[in-house]
Amino acid sequence: MDYKELATFIIEAVGGEANIVSLTHCATRLRFALKDDSIPDEKKIKAKKEYWEYP
């Protein structure tokens, strides 16, 4: 897995760096505080199954 590609995809999918107020993580999730919660494209994010589903 290309982590730089994954990070770029996630940032774009949540509306870009300008939309991110803060980011924290736990063992299984990234938790974003966003300026505008209506911007993230949930369908686009869920469509990238190779990142979210493990064999």
N, C-alpha and C. Protein backbone atom coordinates (compact mmCIF):
# COMPACT_ATOMS: atom_id res chain seq x y z
N MET A 1 0.84 -1.18 0.00
CA MET A 1 0.00 0.00 0.00
C MET A 1 0.89 1.24 0.00
N ASP A 2 0.54 2.18 -0.84
CA ASP A 2 1.27 3.45 -0.93
C ASP A 2 0.62 4.45 0.03
N TYR A 3 1.26 4.69 1.16
CA TYR A 3 0.67 5.54 2.20
C TYR A 3 0.57 6.99 1.79
N LYS A 4 1.50 7.47 0.97
CA LYS A 4 1.43 8.84 0.49
C LYS A 4 0.20 9.01 -0.40
N GLU A 5 -0.05 8.03 -1.25
CA GLU A 5 -1.23 8.06 -2.12
C GLU A 5 -2.51 8.01 -1.28
N LEU A 6 -2.52 7.17 -0.26
CA LEU A 6 -3.68 7.06 0.63
C LEU A 6 -3.93 8.39 1.35
N ALA A 7 -2.89 9.00 1.88
CA ALA A 7 -3.03 10.27 2.59
C ALA A 7 -3.56 11.36 1.66
N THR A 8 -3.05 11.42 0.46
CA THR A 8 -3.50 12.40 -0.52
C THR A 8 -4.97 12.18 -0.85
N PHE A 9 -5.36 10.93 -1.04
CA PHE A 9 -6.75 10.60 -1.33
C PHE A 9 -7.67 11.04 -0.19
N ILE A 10 -7.29 10.74 1.04
CA ILE A 10 -8.13 11.08 2.20
C ILE A 10 -8.27 12.59 2.33
N ILE A 11 -7.18 13.32 2.21
CA ILE A 11 -7.23 14.78 2.32
C ILE A 11 -8.14 15.37 1.26
N GLU A 12 -8.02 14.90 0.03
CA GLU A 12 -8.87 15.39 -1.05
C GLU A 12 -10.34 15.03 -0.80
N ALA A 13 -10.58 13.83 -0.31
CA ALA A 13 -11.95 13.36 -0.10
C ALA A 13 -12.68 14.11 1.01
N VAL A 14 -11.95 14.66 1.97
CA VAL A 14 -12.60 15.41 3.05
C VAL A 14 -12.67 16.91 2.76
N GLY A 15 -12.25 17.31 1.57
CA GLY A 15 -12.38 18.71 1.18
C GLY A 15 -11.08 19.48 1.13
N GLY A 16 -9.98 18.79 1.22
CA GLY A 16 -8.68 19.45 1.13
C GLY A 16 -8.19 19.98 2.47
N GLU A 17 -6.94 20.38 2.49
CA GLU A 17 -6.31 20.88 3.72
C GLU A 17 -7.06 22.06 4.31
N ALA A 18 -7.63 22.90 3.47
CA ALA A 18 -8.33 24.10 3.95
C ALA A 18 -9.58 23.74 4.75
N ASN A 19 -10.12 22.55 4.56
CA ASN A 19 -11.33 22.14 5.28
C ASN A 19 -11.02 21.41 6.59
N ILE A 20 -9.77 21.09 6.85
CA ILE A 20 -9.40 20.34 8.04
C ILE A 20 -9.02 21.29 9.17
N VAL A 21 -9.74 21.20 10.28
CA VAL A 21 -9.44 22.00 11.45
C VAL A 21 -8.43 21.26 12.32
N SER A 22 -8.70 19.98 12.57
CA SER A 22 -7.77 19.15 13.34
C SER A 22 -7.97 17.69 12.97
N LEU A 23 -7.00 16.88 13.37
CA LEU A 23 -7.02 15.45 13.08
C LEU A 23 -6.40 14.72 14.25
N THR A 24 -7.08 13.69 14.72
CA THR A 24 -6.52 12.80 15.74
C THR A 24 -6.73 11.38 15.24
N HIS A 25 -6.09 10.43 15.89
CA HIS A 25 -6.23 9.04 15.47
C HIS A 25 -6.34 8.14 16.68
N CYS A 26 -6.90 6.97 16.43
CA CYS A 26 -6.87 5.91 17.42
C CYS A 26 -6.36 4.68 16.68
N ALA A 27 -6.51 3.52 17.22
CA ALA A 27 -5.95 2.32 16.60
C ALA A 27 -6.59 2.01 15.25
N THR A 28 -7.85 2.36 15.06
CA THR A 28 -8.55 1.96 13.85
C THR A 28 -9.15 3.09 13.05
N ARG A 29 -9.06 4.33 13.51
CA ARG A 29 -9.75 5.42 12.84
C ARG A 29 -8.95 6.71 12.83
N LEU A 30 -9.26 7.53 11.82
CA LEU A 30 -8.81 8.91 11.80
C LEU A 30 -10.03 9.75 12.16
N ARG A 31 -9.86 10.69 13.06
CA ARG A 31 -10.98 11.52 13.49
C ARG A 31 -10.69 12.97 13.10
N PHE A 32 -11.50 13.45 12.16
CA PHE A 32 -11.32 14.79 11.63
C PHE A 32 -12.31 15.77 12.26
N ALA A 33 -11.87 16.96 12.54
CA ALA A 33 -12.74 18.09 12.81
C ALA A 33 -12.66 18.94 11.55
N LEU A 34 -13.79 19.15 10.90
CA LEU A 34 -13.83 19.85 9.63
C LEU A 34 -14.55 21.18 9.75
N LYS A 35 -14.15 22.13 8.92
CA LYS A 35 -14.84 23.41 8.88
C LYS A 35 -16.25 23.24 8.32
N ASP A 36 -16.37 22.43 7.26
CA ASP A 36 -17.66 22.21 6.61
C ASP A 36 -17.89 20.71 6.46
N ASP A 37 -18.78 20.18 7.29
CA ASP A 37 -19.04 18.74 7.27
C ASP A 37 -19.81 18.27 6.04
N SER A 38 -20.31 19.18 5.24
CA SER A 38 -21.07 18.78 4.05
C SER A 38 -20.17 18.49 2.85
N ILE A 39 -18.90 18.83 2.93
CA ILE A 39 -17.98 18.68 1.81
C ILE A 39 -17.51 17.24 1.59
N PRO A 40 -17.17 16.47 2.60
CA PRO A 40 -16.62 15.13 2.36
C PRO A 40 -17.54 14.27 1.47
N ASP A 41 -16.91 13.53 0.59
CA ASP A 41 -17.62 12.67 -0.35
C ASP A 41 -17.58 11.24 0.18
N GLU A 42 -18.59 10.87 0.97
CA GLU A 42 -18.62 9.55 1.60
C GLU A 42 -18.62 8.42 0.58
N LYS A 43 -19.33 8.59 -0.53
CA LYS A 43 -19.38 7.55 -1.56
C LYS A 43 -17.99 7.32 -2.16
N LYS A 44 -17.27 8.40 -2.40
CA LYS A 44 -15.92 8.30 -2.95
C LYS A 44 -15.00 7.56 -1.98
N ILE A 45 -15.13 7.90 -0.70
CA ILE A 45 -14.29 7.28 0.32
C ILE A 45 -14.59 5.79 0.44
N LYS A 46 -15.87 5.43 0.53
CA LYS A 46 -16.26 4.02 0.68
C LYS A 46 -15.96 3.20 -0.56
N ALA A 47 -15.88 3.84 -1.72
CA ALA A 47 -15.60 3.13 -2.97
C ALA A 47 -14.17 2.60 -3.04
N LYS A 48 -13.26 3.16 -2.27
CA LYS A 48 -11.86 2.73 -2.26
C LYS A 48 -11.68 1.54 -1.32
N LYS A 49 -12.34 0.46 -1.63
CA LYS A 49 -12.35 -0.71 -0.75
C LYS A 49 -10.98 -1.30 -0.49
N GLU A 50 -10.05 -1.10 -1.41
CA GLU A 50 -8.71 -1.67 -1.20
C GLU A 50 -8.03 -1.05 0.01
N TYR A 51 -8.47 0.13 0.43
CA TYR A 51 -7.90 0.76 1.62
C TYR A 51 -8.59 0.33 2.90
N TRP A 52 -9.86 -0.03 2.84
CA TRP A 52 -10.65 -0.25 4.04
C TRP A 52 -10.91 -1.71 4.36
N GLU A 53 -10.80 -2.60 3.37
CA GLU A 53 -11.08 -4.01 3.61
C GLU A 53 -9.79 -4.81 3.64
N TYR A 54 -9.67 -5.63 4.63
CA TYR A 54 -8.48 -6.46 4.76
C TYR A 54 -8.78 -7.86 4.26
N PRO A 55 -7.78 -8.50 3.66
CA PRO A 55 -8.00 -9.88 3.13
C PRO A 55 -8.26 -10.88 4.23
